[in-house]
Protein backbone atom coordinates (compact mmCIF):
# COMPACT_ATOMS: atom_id res chain seq x y z
CA MET A 1 125.01 116.62 111.05
CA GLN A 2 122.23 117.11 108.19
CA ARG A 3 122.23 120.00 106.28
CA CYS A 4 119.22 121.74 104.23
CA LEU A 5 121.02 120.04 101.07
CA HIS A 6 118.97 116.84 102.53
CA ILE A 7 115.70 118.03 101.69
CA LEU A 8 114.77 116.56 98.23
CA PHE A 9 116.14 113.00 99.79
CA LEU A 10 113.91 113.87 102.46
CA PHE A 11 110.64 115.02 100.48
CA PHE A 12 110.77 112.75 97.39
CA GLY A 13 112.56 110.03 98.98
CA SER A 14 109.67 109.65 101.12
CA PHE A 15 107.34 108.80 98.43
CA LEU A 16 109.03 105.62 96.96
CA PHE A 17 106.34 103.98 95.34
CA GLY A 18 104.28 104.80 91.99
CA GLN A 19 100.81 104.79 91.17
CA ASN A 20 98.12 102.22 89.87
CA SER A 21 96.78 103.59 87.05
CA GLU A 22 93.79 100.81 86.80
CA THR A 23 91.96 103.02 89.72
CA PRO A 24 91.56 106.66 90.99
CA HIS A 25 93.21 104.95 94.12
CA ALA A 26 96.87 105.44 94.31
CA PHE A 27 98.20 102.37 96.13
CA LYS A 28 101.99 102.75 97.65
CA LEU A 29 103.25 99.55 96.61
CA PRO A 30 103.94 98.07 93.46
CA GLY A 31 102.03 94.58 92.15
CA ASN A 32 98.81 92.98 92.50
CA SER A 33 99.28 90.52 95.29
CA PHE A 34 96.61 90.74 98.09
CA ASN A 35 95.63 89.22 100.76
CA ASP A 36 92.40 90.50 100.64
CA ILE A 37 90.49 93.15 98.75
CA LYS A 38 86.90 94.88 99.31
CA TYR A 39 85.71 97.61 96.98
CA ARG A 40 82.84 100.66 97.41
CA THR A 41 81.30 102.29 94.56
CA GLU A 42 81.38 106.13 93.69
CA ASN A 43 80.40 107.34 91.23
CA GLY A 44 79.62 104.89 89.06
CA VAL A 45 83.29 103.64 89.80
CA GLN A 46 84.64 100.75 91.95
CA ILE A 47 87.29 102.04 94.40
CA PRO A 48 89.01 100.15 97.05
CA ASP A 49 87.58 100.27 100.17
CA LYS A 50 89.91 97.84 102.56
CA TYR A 51 92.88 95.51 101.54
CA GLU A 52 96.41 94.27 102.90
CA LYS A 53 98.86 93.76 100.15
CA ILE A 54 102.07 92.59 100.14
CA PHE A 55 104.89 93.26 97.88
CA LYS A 56 108.54 90.97 98.50
CA ALA A 57 112.31 92.91 97.41
CA LYS A 58 115.32 92.32 97.94
CA GLU A 59 117.33 95.30 99.14
CA ASP A 60 121.01 94.84 98.60
CA LYS A 61 121.79 91.32 100.79
CA ASP A 62 118.18 91.86 102.54
CA SER A 63 115.28 89.95 102.00
CA VAL A 64 112.17 92.50 102.56
CA ILE A 65 108.38 92.21 103.05
CA TYR A 66 106.27 95.54 102.74
CA PHE A 67 103.10 95.43 103.74
CA GLU A 68 99.86 98.26 103.08
CA PHE A 69 96.96 97.99 104.98
CA TYR A 70 93.95 100.19 103.79
CA ASP A 71 90.80 100.92 105.77
CA HIS A 72 88.96 104.03 103.82
CA GLY A 73 88.66 106.43 106.88
CA LYS A 74 90.71 105.09 109.27
CA HIS A 75 94.03 104.07 108.44
CA TRP A 76 96.62 103.84 105.47
CA ASN A 77 99.79 102.09 106.62
CA VAL A 78 103.15 100.61 104.77
CA TYR A 79 105.07 98.63 107.07
CA ARG A 80 108.50 97.24 106.18
CA TYR A 81 110.06 93.91 107.72
CA ILE A 82 113.44 92.41 107.32
CA VAL A 83 113.26 88.39 106.79
CA GLU A 84 116.16 86.52 108.42
CA ASN A 85 116.23 82.57 109.26
CA LYS A 86 112.37 82.35 108.01
CA LYS A 87 111.21 85.07 110.80
CA THR A 88 110.11 88.56 110.03
CA TYR A 89 111.11 91.71 111.96
CA LEU A 90 110.10 95.41 111.71
CA SER A 91 113.31 97.06 110.49
CA GLY A 92 113.63 100.22 108.80
CA TRP A 93 110.85 103.25 107.58
CA GLN A 94 107.18 102.71 108.52
CA LYS A 95 104.93 104.89 106.77
CA GLU A 96 101.28 106.55 107.74
CA TYR A 97 98.98 108.06 105.09
CA ASP A 98 95.77 110.41 105.30
CA ASP A 99 93.16 109.09 103.17
CA GLU A 100 93.96 111.60 100.63
CA GLY A 101 97.55 109.53 100.26
CA ARG A 102 99.45 112.12 101.79
CA LEU A 103 102.60 110.84 103.58
CA TYR A 104 102.18 112.69 107.66
CA THR A 105 104.39 110.03 109.70
CA GLU A 106 107.64 107.94 108.89
CA ARG A 107 109.30 106.01 112.57
CA PHE A 108 112.13 103.93 111.73
CA CYS A 109 112.48 101.09 113.79
CA GLU A 110 115.71 99.15 114.82
CA LYS A 111 115.42 95.70 113.57
CA GLY A 112 113.16 93.66 116.18
CA GLU A 113 112.36 96.87 118.20
CA ARG A 114 108.51 97.66 118.84
CA LYS A 115 109.21 101.40 120.25
CA CYS A 116 110.32 103.21 116.74
CA LYS A 117 111.72 106.32 118.77
CA ILE A 118 112.96 108.22 115.54
CA TYR A 119 110.10 109.56 113.51
CA ARG A 120 109.59 112.39 111.00
CA SER A 121 105.95 114.08 110.86
CA TYR A 122 104.47 116.03 107.70
CA THR A 123 101.91 118.85 107.41
CA TYR A 124 100.00 120.00 104.56
CA TYR A 125 98.32 123.26 103.44
CA PRO A 126 94.53 123.17 102.04
CA GLY A 127 95.12 121.97 98.82
CA GLY A 128 97.57 119.71 99.80
CA ARG A 129 100.86 121.49 99.64
CA LEU A 130 103.45 120.55 102.13
CA MET A 131 103.42 122.88 105.04
CA SER A 132 106.21 121.34 107.29
CA ASN A 133 108.66 118.71 107.37
CA ALA A 134 109.81 117.83 111.13
CA SER A 135 112.09 115.15 113.05
CA TYR A 136 111.86 113.73 116.17
CA LEU A 137 113.38 111.62 118.64
CA GLY A 138 111.10 110.74 121.24
CA ASN A 139 108.89 113.40 121.88
CA ASP A 140 111.36 115.87 121.55
CA ARG A 141 112.61 117.90 118.29
CA ASP A 142 115.76 116.26 116.94
CA GLY A 143 117.56 117.17 113.23
CA ASN A 144 116.08 119.67 110.72
CA HIS A 145 113.01 121.25 110.87
CA PHE A 146 111.74 122.57 107.31
CA TYR A 147 108.96 125.06 106.80
CA TYR A 148 107.66 126.21 103.45
CA TYR A 149 105.04 128.88 102.46
CA THR A 150 101.96 128.04 100.22
CA ASN A 151 103.76 128.52 96.91
CA GLY A 152 105.87 125.68 97.92
CA GLN A 153 109.16 127.64 98.34
CA LEU A 154 111.18 126.97 101.77
CA ARG A 155 110.75 129.52 104.62
CA GLU A 156 113.01 128.44 107.07
CA CYS A 157 115.13 125.29 108.14
CA MET A 158 115.87 124.44 111.51
CA GLU A 159 118.25 122.15 113.60
CA PHE A 160 117.34 120.85 116.75
CA GLU A 161 118.96 118.54 119.02
CA ASN A 162 117.19 117.05 122.24
CA ASP A 163 114.35 120.09 121.48
CA ARG A 164 116.59 122.51 121.99
CA LEU A 165 117.11 124.96 118.71
CA LEU A 166 121.04 124.88 117.89
CA ASN A 167 120.57 126.63 114.61
CA VAL A 168 118.69 128.19 111.95
CA LEU A 169 120.22 127.00 108.86
CA ALA A 170 118.23 128.60 105.95
CA TYR A 171 115.80 131.35 105.63
CA TYR A 172 114.16 132.88 103.11
CA ASP A 173 110.91 135.14 101.73
CA GLN A 174 108.29 133.73 99.45
CA GLU A 175 110.39 134.47 96.24
CA GLY A 176 113.58 132.93 97.68
CA ASN A 177 115.46 135.72 98.82
CA ALA A 178 117.54 135.38 101.94
CA LEU A 179 116.61 136.63 105.15
CA GLU A 180 118.62 137.98 107.88
CA VAL A 181 118.70 135.17 110.68
CA GLY A 182 119.87 136.90 113.32
CA ASN A 183 122.87 137.22 115.59
CA PHE A 184 122.30 133.25 116.35
CA CYS A 185 124.17 130.10 116.81
CA ASP A 186 124.64 127.23 118.76
CA GLY A 187 121.76 127.77 120.63
CA GLU A 188 123.04 131.20 121.65
CA GLY A 189 121.93 134.41 120.55
CA MET A 190 118.99 136.91 118.99
CA VAL A 191 116.81 134.81 116.45
CA ASN A 192 114.75 137.05 113.64
CA ILE A 193 111.10 136.29 113.52
CA TYR A 194 109.33 137.07 109.90
CA SER A 195 105.41 137.72 109.23
CA MET A 196 104.35 136.11 106.35
CA ASN A 197 105.07 138.82 104.11
CA GLY A 198 108.76 138.73 104.94
CA ARG A 199 108.98 141.91 107.81
CA ILE A 200 110.22 141.45 111.11
CA ILE A 201 107.69 140.84 114.01
CA GLN A 202 109.49 140.03 116.78
CA ARG A 203 113.09 138.77 118.47
CA LYS A 204 113.44 136.02 119.90
CA LEU A 205 116.43 135.63 122.68
CA PHE A 206 117.63 132.18 123.57
CA HIS A 207 120.08 130.55 125.90
CA LYS A 208 121.02 126.88 125.34
CA GLY A 209 118.77 126.47 122.96
CA LYS A 210 115.58 128.02 124.38
CA VAL A 211 113.36 131.04 124.37
CA LYS A 212 114.44 133.25 127.35
CA LYS A 213 112.83 136.72 126.06
CA VAL A 214 110.43 137.91 122.89
CA PHE A 215 110.63 141.62 122.03
CA ALA A 216 108.06 142.58 119.93
CA VAL A 217 108.91 144.77 116.92
CA PRO A 218 106.29 147.65 115.95
CA ASP A 219 105.16 148.38 112.33
CA THR A 220 107.01 151.47 111.54
CA ASN A 221 104.86 151.80 107.77
């Protein structure tokens, strides 16, 4: 069972590769091995418009090949393959980025499987700060979901299993002060719902991880 202490791994571990300082474009893979690369010109500067890049590595005892596919305005993906007996198999985390280079989807593939059921999605505020980091199994919420304020402070961490809320592992206001979750454990009980300024606006009653009733909390100020 994951816990909120994993947040640094989930967030920072997702950005495995550095930037290339030769152009404003931040390549995801190191090195200069390209199958093909085409450029466009913006403000007198040549910027990659479309390319396929390759990076080979040894990870523990495995031979691994990464492929980075970029087509401006269409897609930006990094795929990971494991090499065995001169054959390649999709394996591990496959990453998709938006055109700003921000990670928005990761899918975990078992070796040789084309359907990657485990995935994480990322959303961002205008300006680029992380808004949420959520884990899924198929189409169901499964694992820890992290939500953040616009200042980067963790707002809440919730644990799901089979699309059902199991536990609220953390709840904070914008200054990092802990907020009262309510009377909730293992999918049962009442959860407080807070506004962005830290005021309770609702209470939700859960049974077996699903909302059964919502109670509005009037503003007494």
